N, C-alpha and C. Protein backbone atom coordinates (compact mmCIF):
# COMPACT_ATOMS: atom_id res chain seq x y z
N MET A 1 296.60 303.71 177.02
CA MET A 1 297.37 302.89 175.90
C MET A 1 296.75 302.55 174.48
N SER A 2 297.32 303.08 173.20
CA SER A 2 296.81 302.81 172.45
C SER A 2 296.47 301.44 171.91
N THR A 3 295.70 300.87 171.36
CA THR A 3 295.60 299.27 170.87
C THR A 3 295.74 299.02 169.28
N ALA A 4 295.87 300.76 168.85
CA ALA A 4 295.65 300.55 167.26
C ALA A 4 297.03 299.96 167.09
N THR A 5 296.83 299.19 165.36
CA THR A 5 298.33 298.77 164.57
C THR A 5 298.95 299.88 164.08
N PRO A 6 300.17 300.00 164.23
CA PRO A 6 301.00 300.96 163.68
C PRO A 6 301.35 300.60 162.10
N THR A 7 300.83 301.67 161.17
CA THR A 7 300.89 301.50 159.63
C THR A 7 302.26 301.18 159.52
N ALA A 8 302.43 299.90 159.11
CA ALA A 8 303.94 299.73 158.07
C ALA A 8 304.76 300.59 156.83
N THR A 9 305.61 301.34 157.26
CA THR A 9 306.50 301.87 156.42
C THR A 9 307.05 301.23 155.62
N PRO A 10 306.91 301.60 154.10
CA PRO A 10 308.04 300.31 153.42
C PRO A 10 309.87 300.78 153.77
N THR A 11 310.68 299.87 153.76
CA THR A 11 311.84 300.10 154.10
C THR A 11 312.25 300.36 152.69
N SER A 12 313.98 301.08 152.85
CA SER A 12 314.23 301.53 152.22
C SER A 12 314.23 300.45 150.46
N GLU A 13 314.83 299.48 151.49
CA GLU A 13 315.11 298.55 150.18
C GLU A 13 313.58 297.51 149.39
N THR A 14 312.41 298.15 149.70
CA THR A 14 311.12 297.78 149.51
C THR A 14 310.98 299.17 148.16
N GLU A 15 311.19 300.37 148.64
CA GLU A 15 311.41 301.76 147.76
C GLU A 15 312.31 301.10 146.92
N ILE A 16 312.99 300.96 146.67
CA ILE A 16 314.25 300.75 145.64
C ILE A 16 313.39 299.26 144.53
N ARG A 17 313.57 298.73 145.01
CA ARG A 17 312.60 297.41 144.57
C ARG A 17 311.26 298.03 143.49
N ALA A 18 310.67 298.96 144.58
CA ALA A 18 309.30 299.59 143.88
C ALA A 18 309.85 300.24 142.57
N LEU A 19 310.41 301.00 143.05
CA LEU A 19 311.41 301.94 141.55
C LEU A 19 311.69 300.99 140.77
N ILE A 20 312.83 300.35 140.71
CA ILE A 20 313.13 299.27 139.64
C ILE A 20 312.07 298.15 139.19
N ASP A 21 311.05 298.25 139.51
CA ASP A 21 309.68 297.40 138.71
C ASP A 21 309.18 298.52 138.18
N SER A 22 308.83 299.51 138.58
CA SER A 22 308.37 300.83 137.79
C SER A 22 309.18 300.99 136.31
N TRP A 23 310.43 301.03 136.81
CA TRP A 23 311.61 301.06 135.61
C TRP A 23 311.14 300.03 134.52
N LEU A 24 311.35 299.06 135.12
CA LEU A 24 311.41 297.85 134.07
C LEU A 24 309.91 297.80 133.25
N LYS A 25 308.69 297.66 134.07
CA LYS A 25 307.63 298.54 133.11
C LYS A 25 307.84 299.03 132.04
N ALA A 26 308.47 300.39 132.29
CA ALA A 26 308.76 301.07 131.16
C ALA A 26 309.65 300.90 130.00
N VAL A 27 310.71 299.90 130.70
CA VAL A 27 311.70 299.29 129.76
C VAL A 27 311.06 298.35 128.74
N HIS A 28 309.90 297.46 129.55
CA HIS A 28 309.15 296.31 128.93
C HIS A 28 308.12 297.21 127.41
N ALA A 29 307.81 298.25 128.25
CA ALA A 29 306.95 299.08 127.27
C ALA A 29 307.46 300.28 126.26
N GLN A 30 308.55 300.18 126.64
CA GLN A 30 309.72 301.02 125.40
C GLN A 30 308.98 302.71 125.53
N ASP A 31 308.82 302.95 126.92
CA ASP A 31 308.13 304.18 127.41
C ASP A 31 309.15 305.09 127.86
N ILE A 32 309.64 305.36 127.00
CA ILE A 32 310.95 306.79 127.37
C ILE A 32 310.78 307.57 128.34
N ALA A 33 309.68 308.27 128.70
CA ALA A 33 309.30 308.86 129.56
C ALA A 33 309.28 308.19 131.02
N GLY A 34 308.48 307.03 130.92
CA GLY A 34 308.97 305.93 132.25
C GLY A 34 309.75 305.57 132.52
N ILE A 35 311.01 305.46 131.74
CA ILE A 35 312.93 305.10 132.26
C ILE A 35 313.50 306.14 132.30
N VAL A 36 313.18 307.02 132.12
CA VAL A 36 313.97 308.06 133.04
C VAL A 36 313.54 309.47 133.79
N SER A 37 311.82 308.71 133.95
CA SER A 37 311.54 309.20 135.07
C SER A 37 311.99 309.36 136.41
N ASP A 38 312.53 308.63 137.08
CA ASP A 38 313.12 308.72 138.23
C ASP A 38 314.92 308.93 138.42
N TYR A 39 315.25 309.28 136.53
CA TYR A 39 316.80 309.48 137.03
C TYR A 39 317.06 310.84 137.43
N ALA A 40 317.75 311.29 138.00
CA ALA A 40 318.61 312.37 138.92
C ALA A 40 318.70 313.30 137.93
N PRO A 41 318.58 314.78 137.37
CA PRO A 41 318.63 315.43 136.42
C PRO A 41 320.43 316.05 135.89
N ASP A 42 321.14 315.16 136.81
CA ASP A 42 322.52 315.35 136.80
C ASP A 42 323.16 313.64 136.86
N ILE A 43 322.26 312.67 136.70
CA ILE A 43 322.80 311.29 136.41
C ILE A 43 323.94 311.40 135.57
N LEU A 44 324.88 310.35 135.56
CA LEU A 44 326.17 309.78 135.18
C LEU A 44 325.84 308.58 134.80
N ALA A 45 325.55 308.55 133.65
CA ALA A 45 325.55 306.68 133.40
C ALA A 45 326.94 306.37 132.53
N PHE A 46 327.04 305.33 132.73
CA PHE A 46 328.42 304.40 131.98
C PHE A 46 327.42 303.36 131.48
N ASP A 47 327.11 303.87 129.73
CA ASP A 47 326.34 302.67 129.20
C ASP A 47 327.32 301.50 128.34
N ALA A 48 326.99 300.28 127.85
CA ALA A 48 327.80 299.67 127.21
C ALA A 48 327.75 300.38 125.64
N ILE A 49 327.08 300.96 125.65
CA ILE A 49 326.45 301.41 123.78
C ILE A 49 327.28 302.93 123.35
N ALA A 50 327.99 303.05 122.52
CA ALA A 50 328.54 304.39 121.99
C ALA A 50 329.47 305.46 122.55
N LYS A 51 329.00 305.92 124.00
CA LYS A 51 329.81 306.33 124.36
C LYS A 51 330.74 306.19 125.63
N LEU A 52 331.30 306.55 125.83
CA LEU A 52 332.32 306.63 127.10
C LEU A 52 331.49 306.82 128.90
N GLN A 53 330.90 307.73 128.58
CA GLN A 53 329.85 308.33 129.60
C GLN A 53 328.38 309.26 129.00
N PHE A 54 327.72 309.46 129.82
CA PHE A 54 326.75 310.37 129.81
C PHE A 54 326.46 310.97 130.74
N LYS A 55 326.61 312.35 130.32
CA LYS A 55 326.43 313.34 131.93
C LYS A 55 324.75 314.14 131.72
N GLY A 56 323.79 313.78 132.64
CA GLY A 56 322.43 314.35 132.70
C GLY A 56 321.51 313.40 132.35
N ARG A 57 320.10 313.67 132.62
CA ARG A 57 319.27 313.06 132.50
C ARG A 57 318.50 313.39 130.74
N GLU A 58 319.22 314.45 130.20
CA GLU A 58 318.70 314.23 128.93
C GLU A 58 319.50 313.64 127.96
N ALA A 59 320.68 313.66 128.04
CA ALA A 59 322.06 313.26 127.35
C ALA A 59 321.41 311.54 127.13
N TYR A 60 321.57 310.85 128.66
CA TYR A 60 321.07 309.43 128.75
C TYR A 60 319.37 309.00 128.30
N GLN A 61 318.78 310.20 128.19
CA GLN A 61 317.34 309.72 127.15
C GLN A 61 317.22 309.89 126.25
N LYS A 62 318.34 310.59 125.48
CA LYS A 62 318.54 310.95 123.80
C LYS A 62 319.31 309.33 123.63
N HIS A 63 320.15 308.59 124.73
CA HIS A 63 320.75 307.55 124.09
C HIS A 63 319.93 306.61 124.40
N TRP A 64 319.23 306.39 125.46
CA TRP A 64 317.57 305.41 125.57
C TRP A 64 316.94 305.38 124.06
N GLU A 65 316.82 306.85 123.75
CA GLU A 65 315.73 306.56 122.46
C GLU A 65 316.59 305.81 121.16
N ALA A 66 317.76 306.02 120.81
CA ALA A 66 318.48 305.67 120.01
C ALA A 66 318.77 304.24 120.10
N CYS A 67 318.97 303.67 121.59
CA CYS A 67 319.00 302.33 121.19
C CYS A 67 317.60 301.36 121.45
N LEU A 68 316.35 302.03 121.87
CA LEU A 68 315.21 301.85 121.36
C LEU A 68 314.76 301.54 119.89
N ALA A 69 315.62 302.85 119.26
CA ALA A 69 315.33 302.81 117.87
C ALA A 69 315.67 301.43 116.99
N MET A 70 317.01 300.75 117.68
CA MET A 70 317.92 299.85 117.29
C MET A 70 317.02 298.07 117.33
N CYS A 71 316.46 298.47 118.20
CA CYS A 71 315.27 297.14 118.61
C CYS A 71 314.10 297.56 118.28
N PRO A 72 313.48 297.76 117.02
CA PRO A 72 311.90 297.96 116.86
C PRO A 72 310.96 296.92 116.87
N GLY A 73 311.78 295.52 117.06
CA GLY A 73 310.73 294.33 117.63
C GLY A 73 310.35 294.43 118.60
N PRO A 74 309.84 293.09 119.03
CA PRO A 74 309.89 292.94 120.29
C PRO A 74 311.07 292.99 121.14
N GLY A 75 311.17 293.38 122.53
CA GLY A 75 312.18 293.76 123.28
C GLY A 75 312.80 292.58 123.83
N ILE A 76 313.81 292.42 124.27
CA ILE A 76 314.44 290.96 125.39
C ILE A 76 314.73 291.95 126.45
N PHE A 77 314.30 292.17 127.70
CA PHE A 77 314.75 292.56 129.29
C PHE A 77 314.78 291.73 130.27
N GLU A 78 315.10 290.93 130.71
CA GLU A 78 315.17 290.12 131.76
C GLU A 78 316.38 290.44 132.82
N MET A 79 316.11 290.89 134.10
CA MET A 79 316.68 290.62 134.97
C MET A 79 316.69 289.44 136.28
N HIS A 80 318.27 289.21 136.54
CA HIS A 80 318.26 288.04 137.15
C HIS A 80 319.64 288.34 138.27
N ASP A 81 319.03 287.87 139.19
CA ASP A 81 320.23 287.74 140.28
C ASP A 81 319.94 289.12 140.89
N LEU A 82 318.88 289.93 141.16
CA LEU A 82 318.98 291.16 141.65
C LEU A 82 319.18 291.77 143.14
N GLN A 83 320.34 292.17 143.30
CA GLN A 83 320.53 292.53 144.66
C GLN A 83 320.38 293.89 145.06
N ILE A 84 320.00 294.49 146.26
CA ILE A 84 320.04 295.72 146.57
C ILE A 84 320.43 296.03 148.04
N ALA A 85 321.12 297.08 148.14
CA ALA A 85 321.85 297.42 149.43
C ALA A 85 321.18 299.04 149.72
N ALA A 86 320.77 298.96 150.82
CA ALA A 86 320.09 300.20 150.90
C ALA A 86 319.91 300.87 152.26
N GLY A 87 320.20 302.43 152.81
CA GLY A 87 320.31 302.62 153.93
C GLY A 87 319.46 303.72 153.63
N GLU A 88 319.63 304.62 154.59
CA GLU A 88 318.39 305.40 154.75
C GLU A 88 318.29 306.87 153.74
N ASP A 89 319.47 307.04 152.90
CA ASP A 89 319.25 307.86 152.18
C ASP A 89 320.27 307.71 150.71
N VAL A 90 321.06 306.72 150.59
CA VAL A 90 321.79 306.09 149.80
C VAL A 90 321.36 304.80 149.53
N ALA A 91 321.90 303.97 148.32
CA ALA A 91 321.00 302.41 148.00
C ALA A 91 321.72 302.21 146.73
N PHE A 92 322.36 301.10 146.30
CA PHE A 92 322.79 300.60 145.41
C PHE A 92 322.07 299.59 144.80
N ALA A 93 322.14 298.62 143.73
CA ALA A 93 321.51 297.77 143.39
C ALA A 93 322.38 297.09 141.88
N HIS A 94 322.53 295.25 141.82
CA HIS A 94 323.16 295.08 140.71
C HIS A 94 322.50 293.61 140.35
N CYS A 95 322.61 293.48 139.11
CA CYS A 95 321.59 292.36 138.56
C CYS A 95 322.90 291.96 137.07
N LEU A 96 322.28 290.90 136.49
CA LEU A 96 322.30 290.50 135.52
C LEU A 96 321.74 290.51 134.65
N ASN A 97 321.41 291.11 133.59
CA ASN A 97 320.42 291.19 132.69
C ASN A 97 320.38 290.40 131.46
N TRP A 98 319.68 289.93 130.64
CA TRP A 98 319.27 289.37 129.30
C TRP A 98 318.75 289.86 128.55
N CYS A 99 319.55 290.89 127.89
CA CYS A 99 318.84 291.60 127.02
C CYS A 99 319.44 291.97 125.77
N GLY A 100 318.24 291.84 124.71
CA GLY A 100 318.30 291.82 123.38
C GLY A 100 317.37 292.82 122.80
N GLY A 101 316.99 291.68 121.56
CA GLY A 101 316.10 292.35 120.58
C GLY A 101 315.29 291.06 119.18
N THR A 102 314.71 291.67 118.58
CA THR A 102 314.37 290.73 117.86
C THR A 102 314.46 291.16 116.40
N ASP A 103 315.20 290.75 115.21
CA ASP A 103 315.68 290.80 114.52
C ASP A 103 314.59 290.69 113.25
N ALA A 104 315.09 291.63 112.00
CA ALA A 104 313.82 291.39 110.92
C ALA A 104 313.50 290.39 110.29
N ASN A 105 313.97 289.29 110.82
CA ASN A 105 313.77 287.95 110.55
C ASN A 105 312.91 287.00 111.88
N GLY A 106 312.72 287.82 112.62
CA GLY A 106 312.34 287.71 113.76
C GLY A 106 312.92 286.52 114.48
N GLU A 107 314.08 286.66 114.44
CA GLU A 107 315.11 286.12 114.99
C GLU A 107 315.53 286.76 116.39
N GLU A 108 315.77 286.08 117.49
CA GLU A 108 316.00 287.16 119.11
C GLU A 108 317.69 286.92 119.33
N LYS A 109 318.34 288.58 119.53
CA LYS A 109 319.42 288.47 119.70
C LYS A 109 319.60 289.32 120.87
N ALA A 110 320.29 288.27 121.79
CA ALA A 110 320.51 288.69 123.10
C ALA A 110 321.38 287.85 123.86
N SER A 111 321.89 289.09 124.43
CA SER A 111 323.43 288.69 125.73
C SER A 111 323.18 288.89 126.86
N TRP A 112 324.14 288.52 127.70
CA TRP A 112 324.26 289.02 128.77
C TRP A 112 324.89 290.32 129.34
N MET A 113 324.28 291.20 129.98
CA MET A 113 324.90 292.27 130.61
C MET A 113 325.29 292.59 132.17
N ARG A 114 325.69 292.93 132.45
CA ARG A 114 326.06 293.32 133.92
C ARG A 114 325.26 294.70 134.28
N MET A 115 324.84 295.04 135.16
CA MET A 115 324.21 296.60 135.75
C MET A 115 324.45 296.84 137.08
N THR A 116 324.65 297.84 136.99
CA THR A 116 324.82 298.42 138.54
C THR A 116 324.14 299.53 138.49
N ALA A 117 323.31 299.84 139.81
CA ALA A 117 323.02 301.57 139.52
C ALA A 117 323.28 302.06 141.02
N GLY A 118 323.47 303.24 141.30
CA GLY A 118 323.37 303.85 142.54
C GLY A 118 321.75 304.89 142.61
N TYR A 119 321.67 305.15 143.81
CA TYR A 119 320.11 305.83 144.41
C TYR A 119 320.52 306.65 145.15
N ARG A 120 319.99 308.06 145.41
CA ARG A 120 320.28 308.75 146.81
C ARG A 120 319.00 309.24 146.44
N LYS A 121 318.38 309.40 147.91
CA LYS A 121 317.18 310.18 148.26
C LYS A 121 317.20 311.59 148.04
N ILE A 122 316.59 312.17 147.50
CA ILE A 122 316.59 313.66 146.99
C ILE A 122 315.31 314.52 147.32
N ASN A 123 315.40 315.14 148.31
CA ASN A 123 314.14 315.74 148.68
C ASN A 123 312.73 314.80 149.30
N GLY A 124 313.01 313.84 149.85
CA GLY A 124 312.46 312.44 150.01
C GLY A 124 312.18 311.80 148.82
N LYS A 125 312.73 311.51 147.85
CA LYS A 125 311.87 311.30 146.91
C LYS A 125 313.18 310.18 146.17
N TRP A 126 313.60 308.99 145.96
CA TRP A 126 314.65 308.28 145.51
C TRP A 126 314.93 308.30 144.10
N ALA A 127 316.25 308.84 143.66
CA ALA A 127 316.62 309.17 142.53
C ALA A 127 317.89 308.68 141.79
N VAL A 128 317.38 307.94 140.44
CA VAL A 128 318.99 307.21 139.66
C VAL A 128 320.25 308.07 139.99
N VAL A 129 321.15 307.69 140.40
CA VAL A 129 322.26 308.81 140.34
C VAL A 129 323.71 308.83 139.77
N HIS A 130 323.59 307.30 139.62
CA HIS A 130 324.35 306.69 138.49
C HIS A 130 323.93 305.41 137.83
N GLU A 131 324.02 305.04 136.93
CA GLU A 131 323.70 303.35 136.05
C GLU A 131 325.19 303.02 135.20
N HIS A 132 325.43 301.82 135.28
CA HIS A 132 326.62 301.24 134.35
C HIS A 132 326.38 300.47 134.32
N TRP A 133 326.41 299.95 132.54
CA TRP A 133 325.99 298.65 131.90
C TRP A 133 327.29 298.36 131.57
N SER A 134 327.58 297.07 131.46
CA SER A 134 328.86 296.74 130.88
C SER A 134 328.97 295.11 130.32
N ALA A 135 329.46 294.74 129.36
CA ALA A 135 330.02 293.50 128.68
C ALA A 135 331.51 293.07 129.64
N PRO A 136 331.47 291.91 129.56
CA PRO A 136 332.63 290.98 129.77
C PRO A 136 333.91 291.26 128.37
N PHE A 137 334.97 291.46 128.37
CA PHE A 137 335.38 291.45 126.90
C PHE A 137 337.10 290.47 127.71
N ASP A 138 337.42 290.00 125.83
CA ASP A 138 338.67 289.55 126.31
C ASP A 138 339.69 290.68 125.57
N MET A 139 340.52 290.68 126.93
CA MET A 139 341.76 291.54 126.46
C MET A 139 342.63 291.61 125.50
N GLU A 140 342.74 290.42 124.88
CA GLU A 140 343.79 290.16 123.78
C GLU A 140 343.28 290.59 122.32
N SER A 141 341.81 290.35 122.28
CA SER A 141 340.59 290.69 121.02
C SER A 141 340.35 291.51 120.97
N GLY A 142 340.18 292.44 122.31
CA GLY A 142 339.17 293.60 122.65
C GLY A 142 338.09 292.97 122.07
N LYS A 143 337.24 292.35 122.02
CA LYS A 143 336.56 291.70 121.77
C LYS A 143 335.29 291.31 123.03
N ALA A 144 334.15 292.10 122.76
CA ALA A 144 333.10 291.69 124.09
C ALA A 144 332.81 289.91 123.74
N LEU A 145 332.53 289.55 125.23
CA LEU A 145 332.77 288.21 124.93
C LEU A 145 331.07 287.72 125.80
N PHE A 146 330.11 288.29 124.61
CA PHE A 146 328.52 287.83 124.28
C PHE A 146 328.16 286.52 124.57
N ASP A 147 328.91 285.50 124.72
CA ASP A 147 328.54 284.28 124.66
C ASP A 147 328.88 283.35 125.97
N LEU A 148 329.32 283.90 126.86
CA LEU A 148 329.09 284.02 128.54
C LEU A 148 328.06 283.73 129.10
N LYS A 149 327.62 282.69 129.73
CA LYS A 149 326.59 282.68 130.33
C LYS A 149 326.43 282.22 132.13
N PRO A 150 325.64 282.52 133.11
CA PRO A 150 325.89 283.00 134.75
C PRO A 150 326.11 281.42 135.00
């Protein structure tokens, strides 16, 4: 009988959390290559800005580049209440994000956004296959409700 302690293998949830942590560091560094590195080539993204949807990593990368160009100063990007549900080869995560940037006068402009991401293990590696960003809106005025707080 072997007395060796088995090596622990990371759980799917731990792997997804590590992927999210790496992505978050890339966002803070405004590192486009790092931001999109774990996106599946055929990712489908629903972002809160500009278009109804972005099909494919290349299209979504161009969108990220445009978004980061709108925030030339220090960015604001904080994840709150991150929840992850992960199976063997499919997972999803959701959280609230305090995000924005600093304007030309040095004033922070930020609001709460909602984010949900879907992941699939492809050839043994987790990839983001869907990402959805949104802000609630008032149905009567059609305006986003940026002043809401969790």
